[in-house]
Amino acid sequence: MSLREKYFAGWGFRTNKPSFEPGEEISAFVTGHDGDAPVARIGDTILRVEGAPGDALDTRVRLRVDEFDDNDHHGTATYLETVGRSSF
């Protein structure tokens, strides 16, 4: 492996539309509501959060992805626990 390859090992570009697999567990901030359900936005990807407590807005939560549409970058996830609060 060359010095250049060693230096850039593990580097990659992030996307503004990440994809998720059903069953995958992630943490994200609850940023708003879609009707009566809280939503977590990760870039331009939107996950509708099922089972979140009423005070979930602006909190970091752990989620399990239930369904995800790779074309629209929308999906649903189940609330597992609150991980932290926002600092703003």
PDB file of N, CA and C in Angstrom:
ATOM      1  N   MET A   1       0.857  -1.171   0.000  1.00  0.00           N
ATOM      2  CA  MET A   1       0.000   0.000   0.000  1.00  0.00           C
ATOM      3  C   MET A   1       0.902   1.233   0.000  1.00  0.00           C
ATOM      4  N   SER A   2       0.603   2.160  -0.900  1.00  0.00           N
ATOM      5  CA  SER A   2       1.416   3.374  -1.002  1.00  0.00           C
ATOM      6  C   SER A   2       1.118   4.315   0.157  1.00  0.00           C
ATOM      7  N   LEU A   3       1.979   5.289   0.342  1.00  0.00           N
ATOM      8  CA  LEU A   3       1.786   6.289   1.391  1.00  0.00           C
ATOM      9  C   LEU A   3       0.483   7.052   1.159  1.00  0.00           C
ATOM     10  N   ARG A   4       0.200   7.351  -0.085  1.00  0.00           N
ATOM     11  CA  ARG A   4      -1.048   8.068  -0.414  1.00  0.00           C
ATOM     12  C   ARG A   4      -2.274   7.218  -0.057  1.00  0.00           C
ATOM     13  N   GLU A   5      -2.247   5.942  -0.399  1.00  0.00           N
ATOM     14  CA  GLU A   5      -3.362   5.038  -0.073  1.00  0.00           C
ATOM     15  C   GLU A   5      -3.539   4.916   1.433  1.00  0.00           C
ATOM     16  N   LYS A   6      -2.436   4.867   2.171  1.00  0.00           N
ATOM     17  CA  LYS A   6      -2.513   4.805   3.629  1.00  0.00           C
ATOM     18  C   LYS A   6      -3.147   6.076   4.196  1.00  0.00           C
ATOM     19  N   TYR A   7      -2.739   7.221   3.640  1.00  0.00           N
ATOM     20  CA  TYR A   7      -3.259   8.504   4.123  1.00  0.00           C
ATOM     21  C   TYR A   7      -4.764   8.625   3.902  1.00  0.00           C
ATOM     22  N   PHE A   8      -5.237   8.173   2.751  1.00  0.00           N
ATOM     23  CA  PHE A   8      -6.657   8.317   2.416  1.00  0.00           C
ATOM     24  C   PHE A   8      -7.500   7.099   2.786  1.00  0.00           C
ATOM     25  N   ALA A   9      -6.928   6.113   3.434  1.00  0.00           N
ATOM     26  CA  ALA A   9      -7.681   4.909   3.832  1.00  0.00           C
ATOM     27  C   ALA A   9      -8.841   5.293   4.747  1.00  0.00           C
ATOM     28  N   GLY A  10     -10.011   4.800   4.430  1.00  0.00           N
ATOM     29  CA  GLY A  10     -11.190   5.063   5.253  1.00  0.00           C
ATOM     30  C   GLY A  10     -11.918   6.349   4.915  1.00  0.00           C
ATOM     31  N   TRP A  11     -11.383   7.147   4.021  1.00  0.00           N
ATOM     32  CA  TRP A  11     -12.044   8.387   3.647  1.00  0.00           C
ATOM     33  C   TRP A  11     -13.191   8.091   2.693  1.00  0.00           C
ATOM     34  N   GLY A  12     -14.217   8.890   2.775  1.00  0.00           N
ATOM     35  CA  GLY A  12     -15.341   8.767   1.865  1.00  0.00           C
ATOM     36  C   GLY A  12     -16.139  10.046   1.872  1.00  0.00           C
ATOM     37  N   PHE A  13     -17.075  10.140   1.002  1.00  0.00           N
ATOM     38  CA  PHE A  13     -17.935  11.311   0.934  1.00  0.00           C
ATOM     39  C   PHE A  13     -19.290  10.972   1.535  1.00  0.00           C
ATOM     40  N   ARG A  14     -19.837  11.920   2.278  1.00  0.00           N
ATOM     41  CA  ARG A  14     -21.177  11.735   2.832  1.00  0.00           C
ATOM     42  C   ARG A  14     -22.191  12.200   1.802  1.00  0.00           C
ATOM     43  N   THR A  15     -23.366  11.668   1.912  1.00  0.00           N
ATOM     44  CA  THR A  15     -24.450  12.072   1.029  1.00  0.00           C
ATOM     45  C   THR A  15     -25.482  12.846   1.834  1.00  0.00           C
ATOM     46  N   ASN A  16     -26.223  13.705   1.160  1.00  0.00           N
ATOM     47  CA  ASN A  16     -27.292  14.410   1.859  1.00  0.00           C
ATOM     48  C   ASN A  16     -28.582  13.589   1.862  1.00  0.00           C
ATOM     49  N   LYS A  17     -28.545  12.402   1.243  1.00  0.00           N
ATOM     50  CA  LYS A  17     -29.702  11.510   1.234  1.00  0.00           C
ATOM     51  C   LYS A  17     -29.264  10.103   1.630  1.00  0.00           C
ATOM     52  N   PRO A  18     -28.932   9.917   2.919  1.00  0.00           N
ATOM     53  CA  PRO A  18     -28.523   8.576   3.327  1.00  0.00           C
ATOM     54  C   PRO A  18     -29.661   7.571   3.224  1.00  0.00           C
ATOM     55  N   SER A  19     -29.316   6.322   3.031  1.00  0.00           N
ATOM     56  CA  SER A  19     -30.282   5.226   2.959  1.00  0.00           C
ATOM     57  C   SER A  19     -30.129   4.342   4.185  1.00  0.00           C
ATOM     58  N   PHE A  20     -31.213   3.691   4.560  1.00  0.00           N
ATOM     59  CA  PHE A  20     -31.207   2.826   5.728  1.00  0.00           C
ATOM     60  C   PHE A  20     -31.887   1.506   5.404  1.00  0.00           C
ATOM     61  N   GLU A  21     -31.487   0.470   6.097  1.00  0.00           N
ATOM     62  CA  GLU A  21     -32.068  -0.858   5.942  1.00  0.00           C
ATOM     63  C   GLU A  21     -33.035  -1.120   7.094  1.00  0.00           C
ATOM     64  N   PRO A  22     -34.165  -1.781   6.843  1.00  0.00           N
ATOM     65  CA  PRO A  22     -35.055  -2.176   7.943  1.00  0.00           C
ATOM     66  C   PRO A  22     -34.285  -2.995   8.976  1.00  0.00           C
ATOM     67  N   GLY A  23     -34.517  -2.665  10.242  1.00  0.00           N
ATOM     68  CA  GLY A  23     -33.819  -3.324  11.343  1.00  0.00           C
ATOM     69  C   GLY A  23     -32.582  -2.578  11.805  1.00  0.00           C
ATOM     70  N   GLU A  24     -32.083  -1.659  10.987  1.00  0.00           N
ATOM     71  CA  GLU A  24     -30.895  -0.884  11.346  1.00  0.00           C
ATOM     72  C   GLU A  24     -31.230   0.067  12.494  1.00  0.00           C
ATOM     73  N   GLU A  25     -30.344   0.171  13.474  1.00  0.00           N
ATOM     74  CA  GLU A  25     -30.536   1.097  14.590  1.00  0.00           C
ATOM     75  C   GLU A  25     -29.619   2.290  14.410  1.00  0.00           C
ATOM     76  N   ILE A  26     -30.193   3.491  14.567  1.00  0.00           N
ATOM     77  CA  ILE A  26     -29.442   4.730  14.390  1.00  0.00           C
ATOM     78  C   ILE A  26     -29.811   5.683  15.509  1.00  0.00           C
ATOM     79  N   SER A  27     -29.042   6.749  15.658  1.00  0.00           N
ATOM     80  CA  SER A  27     -29.462   7.831  16.532  1.00  0.00           C
ATOM     81  C   SER A  27     -29.588   9.080  15.671  1.00  0.00           C
ATOM     82  N   ALA A  28     -30.588   9.898  15.977  1.00  0.00           N
ATOM     83  CA  ALA A  28     -30.875  11.092  15.186  1.00  0.00           C
ATOM     84  C   ALA A  28     -31.627  12.083  16.055  1.00  0.00           C
ATOM     85  N   PHE A  29     -31.690  13.329  15.615  1.00  0.00           N
ATOM     86  CA  PHE A  29     -32.465  14.341  16.310  1.00  0.00           C
ATOM     87  C   PHE A  29     -33.880  14.374  15.753  1.00  0.00           C
ATOM     88  N   VAL A  30     -34.849  14.485  16.639  1.00  0.00           N
ATOM     89  CA  VAL A  30     -36.236  14.711  16.235  1.00  0.00           C
ATOM     90  C   VAL A  30     -36.342  16.201  15.953  1.00  0.00           C
ATOM     91  N   THR A  31     -36.683  16.540  14.709  1.00  0.00           N
ATOM     92  CA  THR A  31     -36.608  17.939  14.275  1.00  0.00           C
ATOM     93  C   THR A  31     -37.949  18.596  14.029  1.00  0.00           C
ATOM     94  N   GLY A  32     -39.021  17.836  14.024  1.00  0.00           N
ATOM     95  CA  GLY A  32     -40.321  18.430  13.749  1.00  0.00           C
ATOM     96  C   GLY A  32     -41.416  17.399  13.800  1.00  0.00           C
ATOM     97  N   HIS A  33     -42.558  17.760  13.202  1.00  0.00           N
ATOM     98  CA  HIS A  33     -43.717  16.872  13.173  1.00  0.00           C
ATOM     99  C   HIS A  33     -44.278  16.803  11.760  1.00  0.00           C
ATOM    100  N   ASP A  34     -44.820  15.652  11.416  1.00  0.00           N
ATOM    101  CA  ASP A  34     -45.567  15.447  10.181  1.00  0.00           C
ATOM    102  C   ASP A  34     -46.961  15.049  10.638  1.00  0.00           C
ATOM    103  N   GLY A  35     -47.848  16.029  10.688  1.00  0.00           N
ATOM    104  CA  GLY A  35     -49.154  15.781  11.288  1.00  0.00           C
ATOM    105  C   GLY A  35     -48.974  15.597  12.774  1.00  0.00           C
ATOM    106  N   ASP A  36     -49.346  14.427  13.283  1.00  0.00           N
ATOM    107  CA  ASP A  36     -49.216  14.170  14.716  1.00  0.00           C
ATOM    108  C   ASP A  36     -47.973  13.355  15.066  1.00  0.00           C
ATOM    109  N   ALA A  37     -47.199  12.921  14.081  1.00  0.00           N
ATOM    110  CA  ALA A  37     -46.025  12.081  14.347  1.00  0.00           C
ATOM    111  C   ALA A  37     -44.735  12.903  14.273  1.00  0.00           C
ATOM    112  N   PRO A  38     -43.843  12.696  15.228  1.00  0.00           N
ATOM    113  CA  PRO A  38     -42.536  13.351  15.152  1.00  0.00           C
ATOM    114  C   PRO A  38     -41.734  12.799  13.977  1.00  0.00           C
ATOM    115  N   VAL A  39     -40.828  13.620  13.446  1.00  0.00           N
ATOM    116  CA  VAL A  39     -39.958  13.183  12.356  1.00  0.00           C
ATOM    117  C   VAL A  39     -38.508  13.489  12.699  1.00  0.00           C
ATOM    118  N   ALA A  40     -37.636  12.639  12.197  1.00  0.00           N
ATOM    119  CA  ALA A  40     -36.192  12.847  12.288  1.00  0.00           C
ATOM    120  C   ALA A  40     -35.693  13.075  10.875  1.00  0.00           C
ATOM    121  N   ARG A  41     -34.944  14.134  10.690  1.00  0.00           N
ATOM    122  CA  ARG A  41     -34.372  14.429   9.373  1.00  0.00           C
ATOM    123  C   ARG A  41     -32.871  14.207   9.445  1.00  0.00           C
ATOM    124  N   ILE A  42     -32.372  13.408   8.521  1.00  0.00           N
ATOM    125  CA  ILE A  42     -30.946  13.165   8.390  1.00  0.00           C
ATOM    126  C   ILE A  42     -30.600  13.621   6.979  1.00  0.00           C
ATOM    127  N   GLY A  43     -30.053  14.815   6.855  1.00  0.00           N
ATOM    128  CA  GLY A  43     -29.887  15.416   5.543  1.00  0.00           C
ATOM    129  C   GLY A  43     -31.265  15.639   4.947  1.00  0.00           C
ATOM    130  N   ASP A  44     -31.474  15.175   3.720  1.00  0.00           N
ATOM    131  CA  ASP A  44     -32.780  15.287   3.076  1.00  0.00           C
ATOM    132  C   ASP A  44     -33.642  14.051   3.285  1.00  0.00           C
ATOM    133  N   THR A  45     -33.161  13.096   4.053  1.00  0.00           N
ATOM    134  CA  THR A  45     -33.913  11.884   4.368  1.00  0.00           C
ATOM    135  C   THR A  45     -34.817  12.161   5.562  1.00  0.00           C
ATOM    136  N   ILE A  46     -36.065  11.700   5.485  1.00  0.00           N
ATOM    137  CA  ILE A  46     -37.034  11.934   6.560  1.00  0.00           C
ATOM    138  C   ILE A  46     -37.563  10.599   7.068  1.00  0.00           C
ATOM    139  N   LEU A  47     -37.464  10.415   8.380  1.00  0.00           N
ATOM    140  CA  LEU A  47     -38.015   9.228   9.037  1.00  0.00           C
ATOM    141  C   LEU A  47     -39.130   9.645   9.968  1.00  0.00           C
ATOM    142  N   ARG A  48     -40.298   9.070   9.779  1.00  0.00           N
ATOM    143  CA  ARG A  48     -41.430   9.283  10.676  1.00  0.00           C
ATOM    144  C   ARG A  48     -41.205   8.384  11.889  1.00  0.00           C
ATOM    145  N   VAL A  49     -41.248   8.956  13.090  1.00  0.00           N
ATOM    146  CA  VAL A  49     -40.898   8.237  14.314  1.00  0.00           C
ATOM    147  C   VAL A  49     -42.161   7.793  15.036  1.00  0.00           C
ATOM    148  N   GLU A  50     -42.344   6.490  15.126  1.00  0.00           N
ATOM    149  CA  GLU A  50     -43.511   5.916  15.805  1.00  0.00           C
ATOM    150  C   GLU A  50     -43.163   5.649  17.272  1.00  0.00           C
ATOM    151  N   GLY A  51     -44.090   5.979  18.174  1.00  0.00           N
ATOM    152  CA  GLY A  51     -43.931   5.659  19.585  1.00  0.00           C
ATOM    153  C   GLY A  51     -43.063   6.608  20.377  1.00  0.00           C
ATOM    154  N   ALA A  52     -42.741   7.758  19.828  1.00  0.00           N
ATOM    155  CA  ALA A  52     -41.908   8.725  20.552  1.00  0.00           C
ATOM    156  C   ALA A  52     -42.739   9.440  21.613  1.00  0.00           C
ATOM    157  N   PRO A  53     -42.116   9.815  22.737  1.00  0.00           N
ATOM    158  CA  PRO A  53     -42.841  10.554  23.764  1.00  0.00           C
ATOM    159  C   PRO A  53     -43.206  11.953  23.266  1.00  0.00           C
ATOM    160  N   GLY A  54     -44.147  12.572  23.925  1.00  0.00           N
ATOM    161  CA  GLY A  54     -44.618  13.891  23.519  1.00  0.00           C
ATOM    162  C   GLY A  54     -43.563  14.980  23.573  1.00  0.00           C
ATOM    163  N   ASP A  55     -42.547  14.811  24.404  1.00  0.00           N
ATOM    164  CA  ASP A  55     -41.505  15.832  24.526  1.00  0.00           C
ATOM    165  C   ASP A  55     -40.257  15.485  23.712  1.00  0.00           C
ATOM    166  N   ALA A  56     -40.405  14.735  22.648  1.00  0.00           N
ATOM    167  CA  ALA A  56     -39.254  14.265  21.856  1.00  0.00           C
ATOM    168  C   ALA A  56     -38.647  15.336  20.960  1.00  0.00           C
ATOM    169  N   LEU A  57     -39.378  16.404  20.674  1.00  0.00           N
ATOM    170  CA  LEU A  57     -38.873  17.444  19.784  1.00  0.00           C
ATOM    171  C   LEU A  57     -37.547  17.998  20.306  1.00  0.00           C
ATOM    172  N   ASP A  58     -36.567  18.141  19.421  1.00  0.00           N
ATOM    173  CA  ASP A  58     -35.227  18.650  19.733  1.00  0.00           C
ATOM    174  C   ASP A  58     -34.447  17.751  20.682  1.00  0.00           C
ATOM    175  N   THR A  59     -34.737  16.460  20.670  1.00  0.00           N
ATOM    176  CA  THR A  59     -33.942  15.515  21.449  1.00  0.00           C
ATOM    177  C   THR A  59     -33.255  14.546  20.495  1.00  0.00           C
ATOM    178  N   ARG A  60     -32.145  14.004  20.961  1.00  0.00           N
ATOM    179  CA  ARG A  60     -31.458  12.957  20.196  1.00  0.00           C
ATOM    180  C   ARG A  60     -32.018  11.631  20.681  1.00  0.00           C
ATOM    181  N   VAL A  61     -32.473  10.806  19.736  1.00  0.00           N
ATOM    182  CA  VAL A  61     -33.122   9.543  20.081  1.00  0.00           C
ATOM    183  C   VAL A  61     -32.464   8.391  19.330  1.00  0.00           C
ATOM    184  N   ARG A  62     -32.611   7.213  19.893  1.00  0.00           N
ATOM    185  CA  ARG A  62     -32.175   5.992  19.209  1.00  0.00           C
ATOM    186  C   ARG A  62     -33.405   5.400  18.549  1.00  0.00           C
ATOM    187  N   LEU A  63     -33.265   5.010  17.280  1.00  0.00           N
ATOM    188  CA  LEU A  63     -34.382   4.519  16.475  1.00  0.00           C
ATOM    189  C   LEU A  63     -34.026   3.192  15.832  1.00  0.00           C
ATOM    190  N   ARG A  64     -35.056   2.412  15.534  1.00  0.00           N
ATOM    191  CA  ARG A  64     -34.903   1.209  14.707  1.00  0.00           C
ATOM    192  C   ARG A  64     -35.732   1.438  13.449  1.00  0.00           C
ATOM    193  N   VAL A  65     -35.088   1.392  12.300  1.00  0.00           N
ATOM    194  CA  VAL A  65     -35.762   1.632  11.027  1.00  0.00           C
ATOM    195  C   VAL A  65     -36.691   0.459  10.736  1.00  0.00           C
ATOM    196  N   ASP A  66     -37.969   0.762  10.443  1.00  0.00           N
ATOM    197  CA  ASP A  66     -38.964  -0.261  10.123  1.00  0.00           C
ATOM    198  C   ASP A  66     -39.139  -0.425   8.619  1.00  0.00           C
ATOM    199  N   GLU A  67     -39.312   0.689   7.936  1.00  0.00           N
ATOM    200  CA  GLU A  67     -39.495   0.687   6.477  1.00  0.00           C
ATOM    201  C   GLU A  67     -38.699   1.839   5.903  1.00  0.00           C
ATOM    202  N   PHE A  68     -38.194   1.653   4.682  1.00  0.00           N
ATOM    203  CA  PHE A  68     -37.469   2.740   4.041  1.00  0.00           C
ATOM    204  C   PHE A  68     -37.593   2.632   2.534  1.00  0.00           C
ATOM    205  N   ASP A  69     -37.945   3.752   1.887  1.00  0.00           N
ATOM    206  CA  ASP A  69     -38.060   3.834   0.434  1.00  0.00           C
ATOM    207  C   ASP A  69     -36.818   4.537  -0.098  1.00  0.00           C
ATOM    208  N   ASP A  70     -35.956   3.791  -0.767  1.00  0.00           N
ATOM    209  CA  ASP A  70     -34.700   4.329  -1.288  1.00  0.00           C
ATOM    210  C   ASP A  70     -34.910   5.385  -2.369  1.00  0.00           C
ATOM    211  N   ASN A  71     -36.031   5.332  -3.075  1.00  0.00           N
ATOM    212  CA  ASN A  71     -36.290   6.300  -4.142  1.00  0.00           C
ATOM    213  C   ASN A  71     -36.700   7.658  -3.582  1.00  0.00           C
ATOM    214  N   ASP A  72     -37.584   7.649  -2.581  1.00  0.00           N
ATOM    215  CA  ASP A  72     -38.081   8.903  -2.009  1.00  0.00           C
ATOM    216  C   ASP A  72     -37.282   9.374  -0.801  1.00  0.00           C
ATOM    217  N   HIS A  73     -36.484   8.492  -0.234  1.00  0.00           N
ATOM    218  CA  HIS A  73     -35.712   8.771   0.981  1.00  0.00           C
ATOM    219  C   HIS A  73     -36.618   9.170   2.143  1.00  0.00           C
ATOM    220  N   HIS A  74     -37.710   8.427   2.266  1.00  0.00           N
ATOM    221  CA  HIS A  74     -38.659   8.558   3.374  1.00  0.00           C
ATOM    222  C   HIS A  74     -38.837   7.181   3.986  1.00  0.00           C
ATOM    223  N   GLY A  75     -39.129   7.171   5.284  1.00  0.00           N
ATOM    224  CA  GLY A  75     -39.363   5.897   5.932  1.00  0.00           C
ATOM    225  C   GLY A  75     -39.992   6.067   7.293  1.00  0.00           C
ATOM    226  N   THR A  76     -40.163   4.957   7.985  1.00  0.00           N
ATOM    227  CA  THR A  76     -40.678   4.976   9.347  1.00  0.00           C
ATOM    228  C   THR A  76     -39.678   4.258  10.244  1.00  0.00           C
ATOM    229  N   ALA A  77     -39.655   4.711  11.494  1.00  0.00           N
ATOM    230  CA  ALA A  77     -38.755   4.121  12.479  1.00  0.00           C
ATOM    231  C   ALA A  77     -39.476   4.077  13.821  1.00  0.00           C
ATOM    232  N   THR A  78     -39.061   3.152  14.661  1.00  0.00           N
ATOM    233  CA  THR A  78     -39.630   3.012  15.997  1.00  0.00           C
ATOM    234  C   THR A  78     -38.689   3.640  17.012  1.00  0.00           C
ATOM    235  N   TYR A  79     -39.248   4.453  17.883  1.00  0.00           N
ATOM    236  CA  TYR A  79     -38.502   5.075  18.980  1.00  0.00           C
ATOM    237  C   TYR A  79     -38.055   3.992  19.949  1.00  0.00           C
ATOM    238  N   LEU A  80     -36.775   4.022  20.328  1.00  0.00           N
ATOM    239  CA  LEU A  80     -36.250   3.077  21.311  1.00  0.00           C
ATOM    240  C   LEU A  80     -35.930   3.754  22.635  1.00  0.00           C
ATOM    241  N   GLU A  81     -35.227   4.894  22.580  1.00  0.00           N
ATOM    242  CA  GLU A  81     -34.911   5.617  23.810  1.00  0.00           C
ATOM    243  C   GLU A  81     -34.399   7.008  23.486  1.00  0.00           C
ATOM    244  N   THR A  82     -34.484   7.900  24.461  1.00  0.00           N
ATOM    245  CA  THR A  82     -33.896   9.230  24.324  1.00  0.00           C
ATOM    246  C   THR A  82     -32.438   9.127  24.739  1.00  0.00           C
ATOM    247  N   VAL A  83     -31.561   9.673  23.890  1.00  0.00           N
ATOM    248  CA  VAL A  83     -30.128   9.600  24.140  1.00  0.00           C
ATOM    249  C   VAL A  83     -29.616  10.902  24.734  1.00  0.00           C
ATOM    250  N   GLY A  84     -30.189  12.031  24.348  1.00  0.00           N
ATOM    251  CA  GLY A  84     -29.731  13.323  24.856  1.00  0.00           C
ATOM    252  C   GLY A  84     -30.642  14.450  24.453  1.00  0.00           C
ATOM    253  N   ARG A  85     -30.337  15.604  24.971  1.00  0.00           N
ATOM    254  CA  ARG A  85     -31.097  16.816  24.657  1.00  0.00           C
ATOM    255  C   ARG A  85     -30.252  17.720  23.779  1.00  0.00           C
ATOM    256  N   SER A  86     -30.914  18.577  23.040  1.00  0.00           N
ATOM    257  CA  SER A  86     -30.219  19.546  22.196  1.00  0.00           C
ATOM    258  C   SER A  86     -29.576  20.615  23.067  1.00  0.00           C
ATOM    259  N   SER A  87     -28.495  21.176  22.596  1.00  0.00           N
ATOM    260  CA  SER A  87     -27.833  22.235  23.341  1.00  0.00           C
ATOM    261  C   SER A  87     -28.303  23.623  22.913  1.00  0.00           C
ATOM    262  N   PHE A  88     -29.267  23.703  22.019  1.00  0.00           N
ATOM    263  CA  PHE A  88     -29.772  25.005  21.598  1.00  0.00           C
ATOM    264  C   PHE A  88     -31.175  25.211  22.093  1.00  0.00           C
TER     265      PHE A  88
END
